[in-house]
Amino acid sequence: MLYRLRLLLGGFVPHLILTSYSLLAVFPVVMILINSFKTRKAIFGEPFAFPNASTFSLIGYETVLSRSNFTQNFINSIVVTGVSLLFILLFGSMAAFALSEYNFRGNTLTALYLSIGIMIPIRLGTVSLLRLMVKLGLVNTLTGLILVYIAQGLPLTIFILSQFMRQVPKELKDAARIDGASEYRIYTMVLPLVRPALGAIGIFTMIPIWNDLWFPLVIAPSAKTATITLGVQQFLGQFVSDWNAVLSSLSLAMVPILILYVIFSQQMIRSITAGALK
């Protein structure tokens, strides 16, 4: 009886904790969404109240769609985040598979070298990165941003995936080799087995890229290549800020990231609670 209770609590408690944290994380999102449909006076006078007949206003959305290049900024963010995430997972999983599967001279040193990026923030090399982008002619291009984000996300991806791939039974891979499967076929066979880790990495990687302001401001600040986070800054001034437009643009910008979060969240929960019943 005690053993069954332990198993039940081992699976229930982590999900309860994650649910509580999720509710706390959703509260600011709900506040932004609610206040985006209110007048400026109501935003500051009654920030926690729902909009009613006297406080409801769409002035923020009208300003965003008429005065800003929101559509282009939105597309830029989707392209940069989507392409960066795709190549981070692809290159990271390939490197993690090689490090976890093959024992060669320098394996440990290679893994350590690839993991250095976790300890050293890439922003420390902003000046050098900017000079490199100037020489390559990638300033004010989405390609430059994508390359930087790929370099930023690879160290953590390789570190996490290599640990998960080492847990895949070696007998399963050896059996596939005996049957004549190529190394690429074995790699594609291992990927579904580490899907929870891929989901967790997807969340931890895409959110910082989508919300980043630093590198878009430094590498791609032009109106043609600006991301949604950088585009919102036009409504923030030193003396006057259009908070209706800011909250409305943030509400629109949250839609794709919330959709991706819902897609990857289940895999992230499986990754975090993988050892709960052991």
C-alpha atoms as a PDB file:
ATOM      1  CA  MET A   1       0.000   0.000   0.000  1.00  0.00           C
ATOM      2  CA  LEU A   2       2.786   2.420   0.911  1.00  0.00           C
ATOM      3  CA  TYR A   3       4.614   1.500  -2.297  1.00  0.00           C
ATOM      4  CA  ARG A   4       1.541   2.299  -4.412  1.00  0.00           C
ATOM      5  CA  LEU A   5       1.072   5.589  -2.563  1.00  0.00           C
ATOM      6  CA  ARG A   6       4.697   6.471  -3.234  1.00  0.00           C
ATOM      7  CA  LEU A   7       4.275   5.745  -6.928  1.00  0.00           C
ATOM      8  CA  LEU A   8       1.099   7.868  -7.045  1.00  0.00           C
ATOM      9  CA  LEU A   9       2.702  10.818  -5.266  1.00  0.00           C
ATOM     10  CA  GLY A  10       5.874  10.465  -7.314  1.00  0.00           C
ATOM     11  CA  GLY A  11       3.906  11.126 -10.485  1.00  0.00           C
ATOM     12  CA  PHE A  12       1.347  13.586  -9.055  1.00  0.00           C
ATOM     13  CA  VAL A  13       3.528  15.985  -7.073  1.00  0.00           C
ATOM     14  CA  PRO A  14       5.824  17.032  -9.966  1.00  0.00           C
ATOM     15  CA  HIS A  15       2.799  17.700 -12.190  1.00  0.00           C
ATOM     16  CA  LEU A  16       1.154  19.708  -9.399  1.00  0.00           C
ATOM     17  CA  ILE A  17       4.269  21.827  -8.928  1.00  0.00           C
ATOM     18  CA  LEU A  18       4.588  22.425 -12.673  1.00  0.00           C
ATOM     19  CA  THR A  19       0.908  23.366 -12.898  1.00  0.00           C
ATOM     20  CA  SER A  20       1.298  25.894 -10.055  1.00  0.00           C
ATOM     21  CA  TYR A  21       4.308  27.483 -11.716  1.00  0.00           C
ATOM     22  CA  SER A  22       2.425  27.588 -15.022  1.00  0.00           C
ATOM     23  CA  LEU A  23      -0.466  29.486 -13.425  1.00  0.00           C
ATOM     24  CA  LEU A  24       1.971  32.007 -11.937  1.00  0.00           C
ATOM     25  CA  ALA A  25       3.654  32.413 -15.310  1.00  0.00           C
ATOM     26  CA  VAL A  26       0.334  32.916 -17.124  1.00  0.00           C
ATOM     27  CA  PHE A  27      -0.841  35.731 -14.800  1.00  0.00           C
ATOM     28  CA  PRO A  28       1.328  38.507 -16.376  1.00  0.00           C
ATOM     29  CA  VAL A  29       0.272  37.320 -19.824  1.00  0.00           C
ATOM     30  CA  VAL A  30      -3.398  37.633 -18.861  1.00  0.00           C
ATOM     31  CA  MET A  31      -2.774  41.110 -17.434  1.00  0.00           C
ATOM     32  CA  ILE A  32      -1.130  42.293 -20.657  1.00  0.00           C
ATOM     33  CA  LEU A  33      -3.981  40.893 -22.726  1.00  0.00           C
ATOM     34  CA  ILE A  34      -6.679  42.465 -20.547  1.00  0.00           C
ATOM     35  CA  ASN A  35      -5.069  45.901 -20.471  1.00  0.00           C
ATOM     36  CA  SER A  36      -4.489  45.912 -24.229  1.00  0.00           C
ATOM     37  CA  PHE A  37      -8.282  46.328 -24.662  1.00  0.00           C
ATOM     38  CA  LYS A  38      -8.582  49.282 -22.264  1.00  0.00           C
ATOM     39  CA  THR A  39      -8.179  53.020 -22.474  1.00  0.00           C
ATOM     40  CA  ARG A  40      -4.980  54.638 -21.250  1.00  0.00           C
ATOM     41  CA  LYS A  41      -6.748  56.023 -18.179  1.00  0.00           C
ATOM     42  CA  ALA A  42      -8.148  52.615 -17.272  1.00  0.00           C
ATOM     43  CA  ILE A  43      -4.746  50.943 -17.670  1.00  0.00           C
ATOM     44  CA  PHE A  44      -3.278  53.026 -14.867  1.00  0.00           C
ATOM     45  CA  GLY A  45      -6.473  53.584 -12.878  1.00  0.00           C
ATOM     46  CA  GLU A  46      -7.802  49.996 -12.803  1.00  0.00           C
ATOM     47  CA  PRO A  47      -5.032  47.684 -14.025  1.00  0.00           C
ATOM     48  CA  PHE A  48      -6.579  44.500 -12.560  1.00  0.00           C
ATOM     49  CA  ALA A  49     -10.138  45.145 -13.769  1.00  0.00           C
ATOM     50  CA  PHE A  50     -11.619  43.641 -16.894  1.00  0.00           C
ATOM     51  CA  PRO A  51     -12.593  46.103 -19.650  1.00  0.00           C
ATOM     52  CA  ASN A  52     -16.223  47.243 -19.624  1.00  0.00           C
ATOM     53  CA  ALA A  53     -18.381  49.461 -21.804  1.00  0.00           C
ATOM     54  CA  SER A  54     -16.684  52.642 -20.558  1.00  0.00           C
ATOM     55  CA  THR A  55     -13.071  51.393 -20.546  1.00  0.00           C
ATOM     56  CA  PHE A  56     -13.006  49.142 -23.620  1.00  0.00           C
ATOM     57  CA  SER A  57     -10.851  50.495 -26.455  1.00  0.00           C
ATOM     58  CA  LEU A  58      -9.099  49.184 -29.572  1.00  0.00           C
ATOM     59  CA  ILE A  59      -6.950  52.273 -30.031  1.00  0.00           C
ATOM     60  CA  GLY A  60      -3.780  50.301 -29.285  1.00  0.00           C
ATOM     61  CA  TYR A  61      -4.396  47.737 -32.030  1.00  0.00           C
ATOM     62  CA  GLU A  62      -5.394  50.458 -34.483  1.00  0.00           C
ATOM     63  CA  THR A  63      -2.135  52.304 -33.752  1.00  0.00           C
ATOM     64  CA  VAL A  64      -0.021  49.178 -34.155  1.00  0.00           C
ATOM     65  CA  LEU A  65      -1.572  48.209 -37.483  1.00  0.00           C
ATOM     66  CA  SER A  66      -1.583  51.729 -38.943  1.00  0.00           C
ATOM     67  CA  ARG A  67       1.575  53.418 -37.641  1.00  0.00           C
ATOM     68  CA  SER A  68       4.084  50.572 -37.425  1.00  0.00           C
ATOM     69  CA  ASN A  69       5.615  47.943 -39.670  1.00  0.00           C
ATOM     70  CA  PHE A  70       4.162  45.245 -37.440  1.00  0.00           C
ATOM     71  CA  THR A  71       3.473  42.645 -40.131  1.00  0.00           C
ATOM     72  CA  GLN A  72       7.069  42.729 -41.394  1.00  0.00           C
ATOM     73  CA  ASN A  73       8.454  42.623 -37.846  1.00  0.00           C
ATOM     74  CA  PHE A  74       6.171  39.697 -37.039  1.00  0.00           C
ATOM     75  CA  ILE A  75       7.303  37.727 -40.100  1.00  0.00           C
ATOM     76  CA  ASN A  76      10.961  38.475 -39.327  1.00  0.00           C
ATOM     77  CA  SER A  77      10.600  37.098 -35.808  1.00  0.00           C
ATOM     78  CA  ILE A  78       8.870  33.935 -37.027  1.00  0.00           C
ATOM     79  CA  VAL A  79      11.548  33.321 -39.676  1.00  0.00           C
ATOM     80  CA  VAL A  80      14.477  33.973 -37.330  1.00  0.00           C
ATOM     81  CA  THR A  81      13.041  31.900 -34.472  1.00  0.00           C
ATOM     82  CA  GLY A  82      11.829  29.016 -36.640  1.00  0.00           C
ATOM     83  CA  VAL A  83      14.978  28.640 -38.745  1.00  0.00           C
ATOM     84  CA  SER A  84      17.287  29.063 -35.751  1.00  0.00           C
ATOM     85  CA  LEU A  85      15.383  26.468 -33.734  1.00  0.00           C
ATOM     86  CA  LEU A  86      15.398  24.010 -36.644  1.00  0.00           C
ATOM     87  CA  PHE A  87      19.163  24.170 -37.153  1.00  0.00           C
ATOM     88  CA  ILE A  88      19.916  24.211 -33.421  1.00  0.00           C
ATOM     89  CA  LEU A  89      18.021  20.949 -32.935  1.00  0.00           C
ATOM     90  CA  LEU A  90      19.453  19.431 -36.123  1.00  0.00           C
ATOM     91  CA  PHE A  91      23.128  20.294 -35.597  1.00  0.00           C
ATOM     92  CA  GLY A  92      22.908  19.835 -31.828  1.00  0.00           C
ATOM     93  CA  SER A  93      21.385  16.374 -32.095  1.00  0.00           C
ATOM     94  CA  MET A  94      23.987  15.304 -34.656  1.00  0.00           C
ATOM     95  CA  ALA A  95      26.873  16.458 -32.478  1.00  0.00           C
ATOM     96  CA  ALA A  96      25.316  14.904 -29.365  1.00  0.00           C
ATOM     97  CA  PHE A  97      24.849  11.593 -31.197  1.00  0.00           C
ATOM     98  CA  ALA A  98      28.495  11.539 -32.258  1.00  0.00           C
ATOM     99  CA  LEU A  99      29.797  12.411 -28.785  1.00  0.00           C
ATOM    100  CA  SER A 100      27.590   9.871 -27.036  1.00  0.00           C
ATOM    101  CA  GLU A 101      27.998   7.036 -29.550  1.00  0.00           C
ATOM    102  CA  TYR A 102      31.636   7.061 -30.642  1.00  0.00           C
ATOM    103  CA  ASN A 103      34.654   6.754 -28.348  1.00  0.00           C
ATOM    104  CA  PHE A 104      37.532   8.532 -30.047  1.00  0.00           C
ATOM    105  CA  ARG A 105      40.637  10.361 -28.892  1.00  0.00           C
ATOM    106  CA  GLY A 106      39.651  13.827 -27.761  1.00  0.00           C
ATOM    107  CA  ASN A 107      35.999  12.977 -27.139  1.00  0.00           C
ATOM    108  CA  THR A 108      36.020  14.519 -23.667  1.00  0.00           C
ATOM    109  CA  LEU A 109      37.931  17.608 -24.790  1.00  0.00           C
ATOM    110  CA  THR A 110      35.563  18.100 -27.719  1.00  0.00           C
ATOM    111  CA  ALA A 111      32.525  17.842 -25.435  1.00  0.00           C
ATOM    112  CA  LEU A 112      34.126  20.312 -23.011  1.00  0.00           C
ATOM    113  CA  TYR A 113      34.919  22.724 -25.827  1.00  0.00           C
ATOM    114  CA  LEU A 114      31.359  22.595 -27.146  1.00  0.00           C
ATOM    115  CA  SER A 115      29.988  23.160 -23.632  1.00  0.00           C
ATOM    116  CA  ILE A 116      32.059  26.272 -22.927  1.00  0.00           C
ATOM    117  CA  GLY A 117      29.301  28.407 -24.416  1.00  0.00           C
ATOM    118  CA  ILE A 118      27.063  27.505 -21.462  1.00  0.00           C
ATOM    119  CA  MET A 119      29.491  29.146 -19.032  1.00  0.00           C
ATOM    120  CA  ILE A 120      30.547  32.115 -21.196  1.00  0.00           C
ATOM    121  CA  PRO A 121      27.660  34.331 -22.410  1.00  0.00           C
ATOM    122  CA  ILE A 122      27.811  35.011 -26.130  1.00  0.00           C
ATOM    123  CA  ARG A 123      27.005  38.681 -25.525  1.00  0.00           C
ATOM    124  CA  LEU A 124      30.520  39.193 -24.180  1.00  0.00           C
ATOM    125  CA  GLY A 125      31.685  38.857 -27.775  1.00  0.00           C
ATOM    126  CA  THR A 126      29.222  41.356 -29.228  1.00  0.00           C
ATOM    127  CA  VAL A 127      31.919  43.688 -30.585  1.00  0.00           C
ATOM    128  CA  SER A 128      33.798  40.838 -32.255  1.00  0.00           C
ATOM    129  CA  LEU A 129      30.561  39.422 -33.653  1.00  0.00           C
ATOM    130  CA  LEU A 130      29.607  42.799 -35.088  1.00  0.00           C
ATOM    131  CA  ARG A 131      33.008  43.166 -36.756  1.00  0.00           C
ATOM    132  CA  LEU A 132      32.689  39.666 -38.203  1.00  0.00           C
ATOM    133  CA  MET A 133      29.211  40.405 -39.539  1.00  0.00           C
ATOM    134  CA  VAL A 134      30.485  43.623 -41.151  1.00  0.00           C
ATOM    135  CA  LYS A 135      33.305  41.743 -42.916  1.00  0.00           C
ATOM    136  CA  LEU A 136      30.896  39.047 -44.109  1.00  0.00           C
ATOM    137  CA  GLY A 137      28.332  41.613 -45.260  1.00  0.00           C
ATOM    138  CA  LEU A 138      25.641  40.186 -42.955  1.00  0.00           C
ATOM    139  CA  VAL A 139      24.731  43.369 -41.084  1.00  0.00           C
ATOM    140  CA  ASN A 140      21.017  44.173 -41.371  1.00  0.00           C
ATOM    141  CA  THR A 141      20.228  40.666 -42.612  1.00  0.00           C
ATOM    142  CA  LEU A 142      18.164  37.919 -41.025  1.00  0.00           C
ATOM    143  CA  THR A 143      20.951  35.464 -41.902  1.00  0.00           C
ATOM    144  CA  GLY A 144      23.318  37.209 -39.507  1.00  0.00           C
ATOM    145  CA  LEU A 145      20.795  36.978 -36.676  1.00  0.00           C
ATOM    146  CA  ILE A 146      20.097  33.315 -37.387  1.00  0.00           C
ATOM    147  CA  LEU A 147      23.809  32.428 -37.322  1.00  0.00           C
ATOM    148  CA  VAL A 148      24.276  34.161 -33.979  1.00  0.00           C
ATOM    149  CA  TYR A 149      21.280  32.418 -32.421  1.00  0.00           C
ATOM    150  CA  ILE A 150      22.434  29.027 -33.714  1.00  0.00           C
ATOM    151  CA  ALA A 151      25.818  29.570 -32.084  1.00  0.00           C
ATOM    152  CA  GLN A 152      24.062  30.697 -28.909  1.00  0.00           C
ATOM    153  CA  GLY A 153      21.788  27.664 -28.639  1.00  0.00           C
ATOM    154  CA  LEU A 154      24.132  24.840 -29.660  1.00  0.00           C
ATOM    155  CA  PRO A 155      26.180  24.445 -26.430  1.00  0.00           C
ATOM    156  CA  LEU A 156      23.190  23.767 -24.168  1.00  0.00           C
ATOM    157  CA  THR A 157      21.529  21.600 -26.801  1.00  0.00           C
ATOM    158  CA  ILE A 158      24.596  19.393 -27.230  1.00  0.00           C
ATOM    159  CA  PHE A 159      25.133  19.097 -23.480  1.00  0.00           C
ATOM    160  CA  ILE A 160      21.549  18.018 -22.718  1.00  0.00           C
ATOM    161  CA  LEU A 161      21.001  15.757 -25.717  1.00  0.00           C
ATOM    162  CA  SER A 162      24.285  13.911 -25.252  1.00  0.00           C
ATOM    163  CA  GLN A 163      23.188  12.932 -21.729  1.00  0.00           C
ATOM    164  CA  PHE A 164      19.838  11.658 -22.977  1.00  0.00           C
ATOM    165  CA  MET A 165      21.344   9.786 -25.926  1.00  0.00           C
ATOM    166  CA  ARG A 166      23.726   7.937 -23.630  1.00  0.00           C
ATOM    167  CA  GLN A 167      20.661   6.462 -21.914  1.00  0.00           C
ATOM    168  CA  VAL A 168      19.417   4.838 -25.131  1.00  0.00           C
ATOM    169  CA  PRO A 169      20.201   1.092 -24.865  1.00  0.00           C
ATOM    170  CA  LYS A 170      23.362   0.252 -26.772  1.00  0.00           C
ATOM    171  CA  GLU A 171      21.933  -3.177 -27.615  1.00  0.00           C
ATOM    172  CA  LEU A 172      19.188  -1.522 -29.666  1.00  0.00           C
ATOM    173  CA  LYS A 173      21.702   0.330 -31.822  1.00  0.00           C
ATOM    174  CA  ASP A 174      23.996  -2.688 -32.177  1.00  0.00           C
ATOM    175  CA  ALA A 175      21.032  -4.783 -33.332  1.00  0.00           C
ATOM    176  CA  ALA A 176      20.248  -2.171 -35.985  1.00  0.00           C
ATOM    177  CA  ARG A 177      23.863  -2.267 -37.200  1.00  0.00           C
ATOM    178  CA  ILE A 178      23.754  -6.060 -37.442  1.00  0.00           C
ATOM    179  CA  ASP A 179      20.633  -5.717 -39.606  1.00  0.00           C
ATOM    180  CA  GLY A 180      22.592  -3.457 -41.941  1.00  0.00           C
ATOM    181  CA  ALA A 181      21.261  -0.054 -40.835  1.00  0.00           C
ATOM    182  CA  SER A 182      23.514   2.908 -41.636  1.00  0.00           C
ATOM    183  CA  GLU A 183      24.650   5.374 -38.998  1.00  0.00           C
ATOM    184  CA  TYR A 184      22.233   7.957 -40.383  1.00  0.00           C
ATOM    185  CA  ARG A 185      19.387   5.453 -40.038  1.00  0.00           C
ATOM    186  CA  ILE A 186      20.400   4.738 -36.436  1.00  0.00           C
ATOM    187  CA  TYR A 187      20.527   8.495 -35.775  1.00  0.00           C
ATOM    188  CA  THR A 188      16.964   8.930 -37.034  1.00  0.00           C
ATOM    189  CA  MET A 189      15.946   5.918 -34.940  1.00  0.00           C
ATOM    190  CA  VAL A 190      17.371   7.458 -31.762  1.00  0.00           C
ATOM    191  CA  LEU A 191      15.717  10.880 -32.225  1.00  0.00           C
ATOM    192  CA  PRO A 192      12.148   9.747 -31.324  1.00  0.00           C
ATOM    193  CA  LEU A 193      13.524   8.149 -28.157  1.00  0.00           C
ATOM    194  CA  VAL A 194      14.863  11.510 -26.927  1.00  0.00           C
ATOM    195  CA  ARG A 195      11.790  13.507 -27.986  1.00  0.00           C
ATOM    196  CA  PRO A 196      11.099  14.791 -24.429  1.00  0.00           C
ATOM    197  CA  ALA A 197      14.562  16.348 -24.366  1.00  0.00           C
ATOM    198  CA  LEU A 198      14.001  17.902 -27.803  1.00  0.00           C
ATOM    199  CA  GLY A 199      10.747  19.440 -26.550  1.00  0.00           C
ATOM    200  CA  ALA A 200      12.401  20.890 -23.454  1.00  0.00           C
ATOM    201  CA  ILE A 201      15.271  22.322 -25.481  1.00  0.00           C
ATOM    202  CA  GLY A 202      12.786  23.767 -27.959  1.00  0.00           C
ATOM    203  CA  ILE A 203      11.081  25.768 -25.213  1.00  0.00           C
ATOM    204  CA  PHE A 204      14.281  26.915 -23.528  1.00  0.00           C
ATOM    205  CA  THR A 205      15.711  27.983 -26.881  1.00  0.00           C
ATOM    206  CA  MET A 206      12.838  29.612 -28.742  1.00  0.00           C
ATOM    207  CA  ILE A 207      11.652  31.932 -25.947  1.00  0.00           C
ATOM    208  CA  PRO A 208      15.001  33.787 -25.516  1.00  0.00           C
ATOM    209  CA  ILE A 209      15.334  34.108 -29.298  1.00  0.00           C
ATOM    210  CA  TRP A 210      11.806  35.474 -29.740  1.00  0.00           C
ATOM    211  CA  ASN A 211      12.160  37.931 -26.844  1.00  0.00           C
ATOM    212  CA  ASP A 212      15.733  39.027 -27.556  1.00  0.00           C
ATOM    213  CA  LEU A 213      16.350  42.725 -28.095  1.00  0.00           C
ATOM    214  CA  TRP A 214      20.142  42.912 -27.890  1.00  0.00           C
ATOM    215  CA  PHE A 215      21.285  41.235 -31.097  1.00  0.00           C
ATOM    216  CA  PRO A 216      18.464  42.611 -33.309  1.00  0.00           C
ATOM    217  CA  LEU A 217      19.413  46.090 -32.063  1.00  0.00           C
ATOM    218  CA  VAL A 218      23.124  45.547 -32.741  1.00  0.00           C
ATOM    219  CA  ILE A 219      23.161  43.374 -35.868  1.00  0.00           C
ATOM    220  CA  ALA A 220      19.858  44.032 -37.664  1.00  0.00           C
ATOM    221  CA  PRO A 221      18.361  47.371 -36.532  1.00  0.00           C
ATOM    222  CA  SER A 222      16.922  48.451 -39.884  1.00  0.00           C
ATOM    223  CA  ALA A 223      13.176  48.700 -40.401  1.00  0.00           C
ATOM    224  CA  LYS A 224      13.309  45.906 -42.987  1.00  0.00           C
ATOM    225  CA  THR A 225      14.972  43.365 -40.687  1.00  0.00           C
ATOM    226  CA  ALA A 226      13.700  44.457 -37.251  1.00  0.00           C
ATOM    227  CA  THR A 227      12.074  41.753 -35.132  1.00  0.00           C
ATOM    228  CA  ILE A 228       8.850  42.184 -33.188  1.00  0.00           C
ATOM    229  CA  THR A 229      10.675  42.912 -29.925  1.00  0.00           C
ATOM    230  CA  LEU A 230      12.695  45.658 -31.558  1.00  0.00           C
ATOM    231  CA  GLY A 231       9.631  47.016 -33.369  1.00  0.00           C
ATOM    232  CA  VAL A 232       7.790  47.528 -30.070  1.00  0.00           C
ATOM    233  CA  GLN A 233      10.498  49.952 -28.944  1.00  0.00           C
ATOM    234  CA  GLN A 234       9.217  52.646 -31.315  1.00  0.00           C
ATOM    235  CA  PHE A 235       6.254  53.163 -28.972  1.00  0.00           C
ATOM    236  CA  LEU A 236       8.524  53.701 -25.958  1.00  0.00           C
ATOM    237  CA  GLY A 237       9.943  57.200 -25.644  1.00  0.00           C
ATOM    238  CA  GLN A 238      12.134  58.995 -23.144  1.00  0.00           C
ATOM    239  CA  PHE A 239       9.310  61.288 -22.038  1.00  0.00           C
ATOM    240  CA  VAL A 240       6.102  59.808 -23.509  1.00  0.00           C
ATOM    241  CA  SER A 241       5.191  56.175 -24.195  1.00  0.00           C
ATOM    242  CA  ASP A 242       2.140  54.878 -26.038  1.00  0.00           C
ATOM    243  CA  TRP A 243       1.202  52.099 -23.598  1.00  0.00           C
ATOM    244  CA  ASN A 244      -1.908  51.122 -25.531  1.00  0.00           C
ATOM    245  CA  ALA A 245       0.222  50.343 -28.574  1.00  0.00           C
ATOM    246  CA  VAL A 246       2.908  48.637 -26.475  1.00  0.00           C
ATOM    247  CA  LEU A 247       0.451  46.290 -24.767  1.00  0.00           C
ATOM    248  CA  SER A 248      -1.395  45.595 -28.026  1.00  0.00           C
ATOM    249  CA  SER A 249       1.780  44.721 -29.927  1.00  0.00           C
ATOM    250  CA  LEU A 250       2.950  42.513 -27.063  1.00  0.00           C
ATOM    251  CA  SER A 251      -0.400  40.723 -27.040  1.00  0.00           C
ATOM    252  CA  LEU A 252      -0.153  40.013 -30.770  1.00  0.00           C
ATOM    253  CA  ALA A 253       3.465  38.930 -30.396  1.00  0.00           C
ATOM    254  CA  MET A 254       2.552  36.380 -27.710  1.00  0.00           C
ATOM    255  CA  VAL A 255       0.264  34.355 -29.987  1.00  0.00           C
ATOM    256  CA  PRO A 256       2.862  32.268 -31.908  1.00  0.00           C
ATOM    257  CA  ILE A 257       5.104  31.743 -28.893  1.00  0.00           C
ATOM    258  CA  LEU A 258       2.152  30.491 -26.827  1.00  0.00           C
ATOM    259  CA  ILE A 259       1.177  28.092 -29.609  1.00  0.00           C
ATOM    260  CA  LEU A 260       4.716  26.711 -29.755  1.00  0.00           C
ATOM    261  CA  TYR A 261       4.824  26.495 -25.972  1.00  0.00           C
ATOM    262  CA  VAL A 262       1.656  24.382 -25.937  1.00  0.00           C
ATOM    263  CA  ILE A 263       3.153  22.106 -28.600  1.00  0.00           C
ATOM    264  CA  PHE A 264       6.436  21.579 -26.742  1.00  0.00           C
ATOM    265  CA  SER A 265       5.202  21.780 -23.128  1.00  0.00           C
ATOM    266  CA  GLN A 266       4.010  18.172 -22.877  1.00  0.00           C
ATOM    267  CA  GLN A 267       7.391  16.931 -24.007  1.00  0.00           C
ATOM    268  CA  MET A 268       9.079  19.249 -21.510  1.00  0.00           C
ATOM    269  CA  ILE A 269       6.973  17.855 -18.644  1.00  0.00           C
ATOM    270  CA  ARG A 270       7.882  14.313 -19.678  1.00  0.00           C
ATOM    271  CA  SER A 271      11.540  15.306 -19.722  1.00  0.00           C
ATOM    272  CA  ILE A 272      11.452  16.856 -16.240  1.00  0.00           C
ATOM    273  CA  THR A 273       9.443  14.022 -14.659  1.00  0.00           C
ATOM    274  CA  ALA A 274      11.243  11.205 -16.491  1.00  0.00           C
ATOM    275  CA  GLY A 275      12.700   9.761 -13.274  1.00  0.00           C
ATOM    276  CA  ALA A 276       9.803  10.491 -10.959  1.00  0.00           C
ATOM    277  CA  LEU A 277       8.620   6.868 -10.703  1.00  0.00           C
ATOM    278  CA  LYS A 278      12.033   5.278 -10.271  1.00  0.00           C
END
